[in-house]
């Protein structure tokens, strides 16, 4: 009788295992983590602190892209921390004039994503810079051919370097 119970339990477990969803059997996929590295450091005359303002859908570790069907997030690639964290570190590393106690420079980013087509990408960065009562809007685009995700990160860095130059010019006012 005892053997019959053990046999029944093992049989039920085998049946349940066979009917179990595939996620029990799937291996977890590795996520590639990315950050942005400044290409150079900018000297500026006026010390400032930075505040990055992003819409909620951008301020995530997930990397957004757009195609003909709409907006999506890359499944196997992510930022090492939310985008506001990435950008704050980027700006602090890019400017010698950063000082936490100084006048606040707000960088409001409304769009920051690649538009994916067949083997080409149009990177867009749009927003405004606010310092006191001065405001300047910006929009940068860059089109490039890409073959894989790794080729996108330099596009992000190139378009960010355009914003760094814009901020540098803005701070000279």
C-alpha atoms as a PDB file:
ATOM      1  CA  UNK A   1       0.000   0.000   0.000  1.00  0.00           C
ATOM      2  CA  UNK A   2       2.828   2.355   0.872  1.00  0.00           C
ATOM      3  CA  UNK A   3       4.509   1.642  -2.484  1.00  0.00           C
ATOM      4  CA  UNK A   4       1.270   2.377  -4.310  1.00  0.00           C
ATOM      5  CA  UNK A   5       1.014   5.829  -2.648  1.00  0.00           C
ATOM      6  CA  UNK A   6       4.615   6.652  -3.547  1.00  0.00           C
ATOM      7  CA  UNK A   7       4.050   5.422  -7.107  1.00  0.00           C
ATOM      8  CA  UNK A   8       0.868   7.571  -7.422  1.00  0.00           C
ATOM      9  CA  UNK A   9       2.611  10.674  -6.038  1.00  0.00           C
ATOM     10  CA  UNK A  10       5.533  10.245  -8.450  1.00  0.00           C
ATOM     11  CA  UNK A  11       3.110   9.682 -11.334  1.00  0.00           C
ATOM     12  CA  UNK A  12       1.126  12.830 -10.504  1.00  0.00           C
ATOM     13  CA  UNK A  13       4.353  14.865 -10.243  1.00  0.00           C
ATOM     14  CA  UNK A  14       5.529  13.579 -13.625  1.00  0.00           C
ATOM     15  CA  UNK A  15       2.196  14.499 -15.203  1.00  0.00           C
ATOM     16  CA  UNK A  16       2.258  17.975 -13.605  1.00  0.00           C
ATOM     17  CA  UNK A  17       5.823  18.529 -14.733  1.00  0.00           C
ATOM     18  CA  UNK A  18       4.861  17.602 -18.298  1.00  0.00           C
ATOM     19  CA  UNK A  19       1.955  20.041 -18.231  1.00  0.00           C
ATOM     20  CA  UNK A  20       3.933  22.838 -16.570  1.00  0.00           C
ATOM     21  CA  UNK A  21       4.362  26.046 -18.568  1.00  0.00           C
ATOM     22  CA  UNK A  22       7.621  26.466 -20.442  1.00  0.00           C
ATOM     23  CA  UNK A  23       8.796  29.264 -18.151  1.00  0.00           C
ATOM     24  CA  UNK A  24       9.890  26.618 -15.636  1.00  0.00           C
ATOM     25  CA  UNK A  25      12.207  25.195 -18.247  1.00  0.00           C
ATOM     26  CA  UNK A  26      13.426  28.449 -19.860  1.00  0.00           C
ATOM     27  CA  UNK A  27      16.872  29.795 -19.173  1.00  0.00           C
ATOM     28  CA  UNK A  28      16.980  33.425 -18.116  1.00  0.00           C
ATOM     29  CA  UNK A  29      18.329  35.694 -20.832  1.00  0.00           C
ATOM     30  CA  UNK A  30      21.187  38.025 -20.076  1.00  0.00           C
ATOM     31  CA  UNK A  31      20.380  41.737 -20.263  1.00  0.00           C
ATOM     32  CA  UNK A  32      23.125  43.951 -21.705  1.00  0.00           C
ATOM     33  CA  UNK A  33      23.546  47.068 -19.554  1.00  0.00           C
ATOM     34  CA  UNK A  34      24.641  50.385 -21.074  1.00  0.00           C
ATOM     35  CA  UNK A  35      25.681  53.871 -19.986  1.00  0.00           C
ATOM     36  CA  UNK A  36      26.717  57.018 -21.807  1.00  0.00           C
ATOM     37  CA  UNK A  37      30.292  58.283 -21.636  1.00  0.00           C
ATOM     38  CA  UNK A  38      31.093  61.968 -22.278  1.00  0.00           C
ATOM     39  CA  UNK A  39      33.439  62.493 -25.208  1.00  0.00           C
ATOM     40  CA  UNK A  40      35.166  65.488 -23.600  1.00  0.00           C
ATOM     41  CA  UNK A  41      34.937  67.969 -20.729  1.00  0.00           C
ATOM     42  CA  UNK A  42      33.722  71.538 -21.186  1.00  0.00           C
ATOM     43  CA  UNK A  43      35.141  74.500 -19.289  1.00  0.00           C
ATOM     44  CA  UNK A  44      32.492  77.057 -18.393  1.00  0.00           C
ATOM     45  CA  UNK A  45      32.580  80.372 -16.560  1.00  0.00           C
ATOM     46  CA  UNK A  46      29.354  80.191 -14.576  1.00  0.00           C
ATOM     47  CA  UNK A  47      29.024  77.470 -11.880  1.00  0.00           C
ATOM     48  CA  UNK A  48      25.672  75.659 -12.001  1.00  0.00           C
ATOM     49  CA  UNK A  49      23.899  72.612 -10.661  1.00  0.00           C
ATOM     50  CA  UNK A  50      21.855  70.352 -12.937  1.00  0.00           C
ATOM     51  CA  UNK A  51      18.300  69.099 -12.748  1.00  0.00           C
ATOM     52  CA  UNK A  52      17.167  66.605 -15.370  1.00  0.00           C
ATOM     53  CA  UNK A  53      13.430  66.512 -16.126  1.00  0.00           C
ATOM     54  CA  UNK A  54      12.090  63.613 -18.174  1.00  0.00           C
ATOM     55  CA  UNK A  55       8.633  62.241 -18.919  1.00  0.00           C
ATOM     56  CA  UNK A  56       7.870  59.073 -16.960  1.00  0.00           C
ATOM     57  CA  UNK A  57       8.034  56.791 -20.015  1.00  0.00           C
ATOM     58  CA  UNK A  58      11.656  57.875 -20.634  1.00  0.00           C
ATOM     59  CA  UNK A  59      12.827  57.924 -17.019  1.00  0.00           C
ATOM     60  CA  UNK A  60      13.298  54.193 -16.739  1.00  0.00           C
ATOM     61  CA  UNK A  61      16.082  51.666 -17.121  1.00  0.00           C
ATOM     62  CA  UNK A  62      14.332  50.405 -20.237  1.00  0.00           C
ATOM     63  CA  UNK A  63      15.628  51.829 -23.528  1.00  0.00           C
ATOM     64  CA  UNK A  64      12.884  53.234 -25.737  1.00  0.00           C
ATOM     65  CA  UNK A  65      12.756  53.091 -29.526  1.00  0.00           C
ATOM     66  CA  UNK A  66      10.162  53.887 -32.158  1.00  0.00           C
ATOM     67  CA  UNK A  67       9.328  52.182 -35.429  1.00  0.00           C
ATOM     68  CA  UNK A  68       6.463  52.310 -37.924  1.00  0.00           C
ATOM     69  CA  UNK A  69       4.199  50.505 -35.455  1.00  0.00           C
ATOM     70  CA  UNK A  70       4.830  52.809 -32.469  1.00  0.00           C
ATOM     71  CA  UNK A  71       6.968  52.963 -29.336  1.00  0.00           C
ATOM     72  CA  UNK A  72       8.668  49.911 -27.819  1.00  0.00           C
ATOM     73  CA  UNK A  73      11.414  49.052 -25.339  1.00  0.00           C
ATOM     74  CA  UNK A  74      14.418  46.910 -26.206  1.00  0.00           C
ATOM     75  CA  UNK A  75      14.110  43.532 -24.516  1.00  0.00           C
ATOM     76  CA  UNK A  76      17.775  42.529 -24.179  1.00  0.00           C
ATOM     77  CA  UNK A  77      19.325  45.961 -23.583  1.00  0.00           C
ATOM     78  CA  UNK A  78      18.843  48.400 -20.703  1.00  0.00           C
ATOM     79  CA  UNK A  79      20.484  51.402 -19.021  1.00  0.00           C
ATOM     80  CA  UNK A  80      22.536  50.676 -15.897  1.00  0.00           C
ATOM     81  CA  UNK A  81      20.170  52.976 -13.960  1.00  0.00           C
ATOM     82  CA  UNK A  82      17.130  55.118 -14.907  1.00  0.00           C
ATOM     83  CA  UNK A  83      17.800  57.559 -17.758  1.00  0.00           C
ATOM     84  CA  UNK A  84      17.708  60.598 -15.426  1.00  0.00           C
ATOM     85  CA  UNK A  85      20.551  58.986 -13.433  1.00  0.00           C
ATOM     86  CA  UNK A  86      22.520  58.298 -16.637  1.00  0.00           C
ATOM     87  CA  UNK A  87      22.072  61.879 -17.857  1.00  0.00           C
ATOM     88  CA  UNK A  88      22.851  63.504 -14.508  1.00  0.00           C
ATOM     89  CA  UNK A  89      26.124  61.579 -14.298  1.00  0.00           C
ATOM     90  CA  UNK A  90      26.829  62.472 -17.916  1.00  0.00           C
ATOM     91  CA  UNK A  91      26.317  66.209 -17.338  1.00  0.00           C
ATOM     92  CA  UNK A  92      28.309  66.298 -14.108  1.00  0.00           C
ATOM     93  CA  UNK A  93      31.195  64.540 -15.885  1.00  0.00           C
ATOM     94  CA  UNK A  94      30.929  66.828 -18.926  1.00  0.00           C
ATOM     95  CA  UNK A  95      31.174  70.212 -17.201  1.00  0.00           C
ATOM     96  CA  UNK A  96      33.890  71.566 -14.918  1.00  0.00           C
ATOM     97  CA  UNK A  97      31.473  74.176 -13.586  1.00  0.00           C
ATOM     98  CA  UNK A  98      29.180  71.773 -11.724  1.00  0.00           C
ATOM     99  CA  UNK A  99      28.542  72.836  -8.143  1.00  0.00           C
ATOM    100  CA  UNK A 100      25.576  71.489  -6.125  1.00  0.00           C
ATOM    101  CA  UNK A 101      25.013  74.808  -4.292  1.00  0.00           C
ATOM    102  CA  UNK A 102      24.925  77.033  -7.387  1.00  0.00           C
ATOM    103  CA  UNK A 103      22.225  78.290  -9.724  1.00  0.00           C
ATOM    104  CA  UNK A 104      20.001  75.509 -11.067  1.00  0.00           C
ATOM    105  CA  UNK A 105      20.208  74.650 -14.755  1.00  0.00           C
ATOM    106  CA  UNK A 106      17.133  72.629 -15.731  1.00  0.00           C
ATOM    107  CA  UNK A 107      17.416  70.344 -18.716  1.00  0.00           C
ATOM    108  CA  UNK A 108      13.924  69.297 -19.777  1.00  0.00           C
ATOM    109  CA  UNK A 109      13.971  66.442 -22.265  1.00  0.00           C
ATOM    110  CA  UNK A 110      10.698  65.663 -24.016  1.00  0.00           C
ATOM    111  CA  UNK A 111      11.916  63.218 -26.703  1.00  0.00           C
ATOM    112  CA  UNK A 112      15.021  61.037 -26.680  1.00  0.00           C
ATOM    113  CA  UNK A 113      14.774  57.913 -28.790  1.00  0.00           C
ATOM    114  CA  UNK A 114      15.905  56.285 -32.029  1.00  0.00           C
ATOM    115  CA  UNK A 115      13.433  55.796 -34.875  1.00  0.00           C
ATOM    116  CA  UNK A 116      14.269  52.385 -36.314  1.00  0.00           C
ATOM    117  CA  UNK A 117      14.003  51.604 -40.002  1.00  0.00           C
ATOM    118  CA  UNK A 118      15.680  48.916 -42.117  1.00  0.00           C
ATOM    119  CA  UNK A 119      19.389  49.196 -41.246  1.00  0.00           C
ATOM    120  CA  UNK A 120      19.125  52.908 -40.449  1.00  0.00           C
ATOM    121  CA  UNK A 121      18.210  54.979 -37.448  1.00  0.00           C
ATOM    122  CA  UNK A 122      17.113  58.549 -36.901  1.00  0.00           C
ATOM    123  CA  UNK A 123      18.096  59.579 -33.368  1.00  0.00           C
ATOM    124  CA  UNK A 124      16.052  62.432 -31.880  1.00  0.00           C
ATOM    125  CA  UNK A 125      16.741  64.577 -28.813  1.00  0.00           C
ATOM    126  CA  UNK A 126      14.274  67.362 -28.059  1.00  0.00           C
ATOM    127  CA  UNK A 127      13.663  69.625 -25.077  1.00  0.00           C
ATOM    128  CA  UNK A 128      14.647  72.912 -23.476  1.00  0.00           C
ATOM    129  CA  UNK A 129      17.299  74.424 -21.220  1.00  0.00           C
ATOM    130  CA  UNK A 130      16.181  76.726 -18.387  1.00  0.00           C
ATOM    131  CA  UNK A 131      18.474  78.920 -16.281  1.00  0.00           C
ATOM    132  CA  UNK A 132      16.681  81.469 -14.127  1.00  0.00           C
ATOM    133  CA  UNK A 133      14.418  83.421 -16.483  1.00  0.00           C
ATOM    134  CA  UNK A 134      16.310  82.348 -19.640  1.00  0.00           C
ATOM    135  CA  UNK A 135      14.966  79.475 -21.727  1.00  0.00           C
ATOM    136  CA  UNK A 136      16.280  77.917 -24.913  1.00  0.00           C
ATOM    137  CA  UNK A 137      14.572  75.109 -26.839  1.00  0.00           C
ATOM    138  CA  UNK A 138      16.566  72.526 -28.755  1.00  0.00           C
ATOM    139  CA  UNK A 139      16.033  69.677 -31.173  1.00  0.00           C
ATOM    140  CA  UNK A 140      18.809  67.489 -32.513  1.00  0.00           C
ATOM    141  CA  UNK A 141      18.561  64.642 -34.990  1.00  0.00           C
ATOM    142  CA  UNK A 142      21.168  62.342 -36.408  1.00  0.00           C
ATOM    143  CA  UNK A 143      20.656  59.711 -39.093  1.00  0.00           C
ATOM    144  CA  UNK A 144      22.980  56.739 -39.364  1.00  0.00           C
ATOM    145  CA  UNK A 145      23.127  53.169 -40.622  1.00  0.00           C
ATOM    146  CA  UNK A 146      23.244  50.525 -37.905  1.00  0.00           C
ATOM    147  CA  UNK A 147      23.579  46.760 -37.949  1.00  0.00           C
ATOM    148  CA  UNK A 148      23.074  45.987 -34.264  1.00  0.00           C
ATOM    149  CA  UNK A 149      22.240  47.562 -30.931  1.00  0.00           C
ATOM    150  CA  UNK A 150      25.885  48.242 -29.981  1.00  0.00           C
ATOM    151  CA  UNK A 151      26.066  50.738 -32.850  1.00  0.00           C
ATOM    152  CA  UNK A 152      23.222  52.747 -31.256  1.00  0.00           C
ATOM    153  CA  UNK A 153      25.161  53.760 -28.127  1.00  0.00           C
ATOM    154  CA  UNK A 154      27.645  55.928 -30.082  1.00  0.00           C
ATOM    155  CA  UNK A 155      24.625  57.658 -31.683  1.00  0.00           C
ATOM    156  CA  UNK A 156      23.244  58.453 -28.233  1.00  0.00           C
ATOM    157  CA  UNK A 157      26.663  59.822 -27.247  1.00  0.00           C
ATOM    158  CA  UNK A 158      27.011  61.883 -30.457  1.00  0.00           C
ATOM    159  CA  UNK A 159      23.637  63.520 -30.025  1.00  0.00           C
ATOM    160  CA  UNK A 160      24.362  64.167 -26.329  1.00  0.00           C
ATOM    161  CA  UNK A 161      27.616  65.892 -27.297  1.00  0.00           C
ATOM    162  CA  UNK A 162      25.522  68.245 -29.467  1.00  0.00           C
ATOM    163  CA  UNK A 163      23.438  69.057 -26.392  1.00  0.00           C
ATOM    164  CA  UNK A 164      26.605  69.635 -24.346  1.00  0.00           C
ATOM    165  CA  UNK A 165      27.796  72.179 -26.929  1.00  0.00           C
ATOM    166  CA  UNK A 166      24.365  73.853 -26.849  1.00  0.00           C
ATOM    167  CA  UNK A 167      24.432  74.077 -23.048  1.00  0.00           C
ATOM    168  CA  UNK A 168      27.996  75.385 -23.152  1.00  0.00           C
ATOM    169  CA  UNK A 169      26.937  78.157 -25.547  1.00  0.00           C
ATOM    170  CA  UNK A 170      23.874  78.863 -23.404  1.00  0.00           C
ATOM    171  CA  UNK A 171      25.995  79.244 -20.241  1.00  0.00           C
ATOM    172  CA  UNK A 172      28.194  81.851 -21.950  1.00  0.00           C
ATOM    173  CA  UNK A 173      25.213  84.248 -22.061  1.00  0.00           C
END
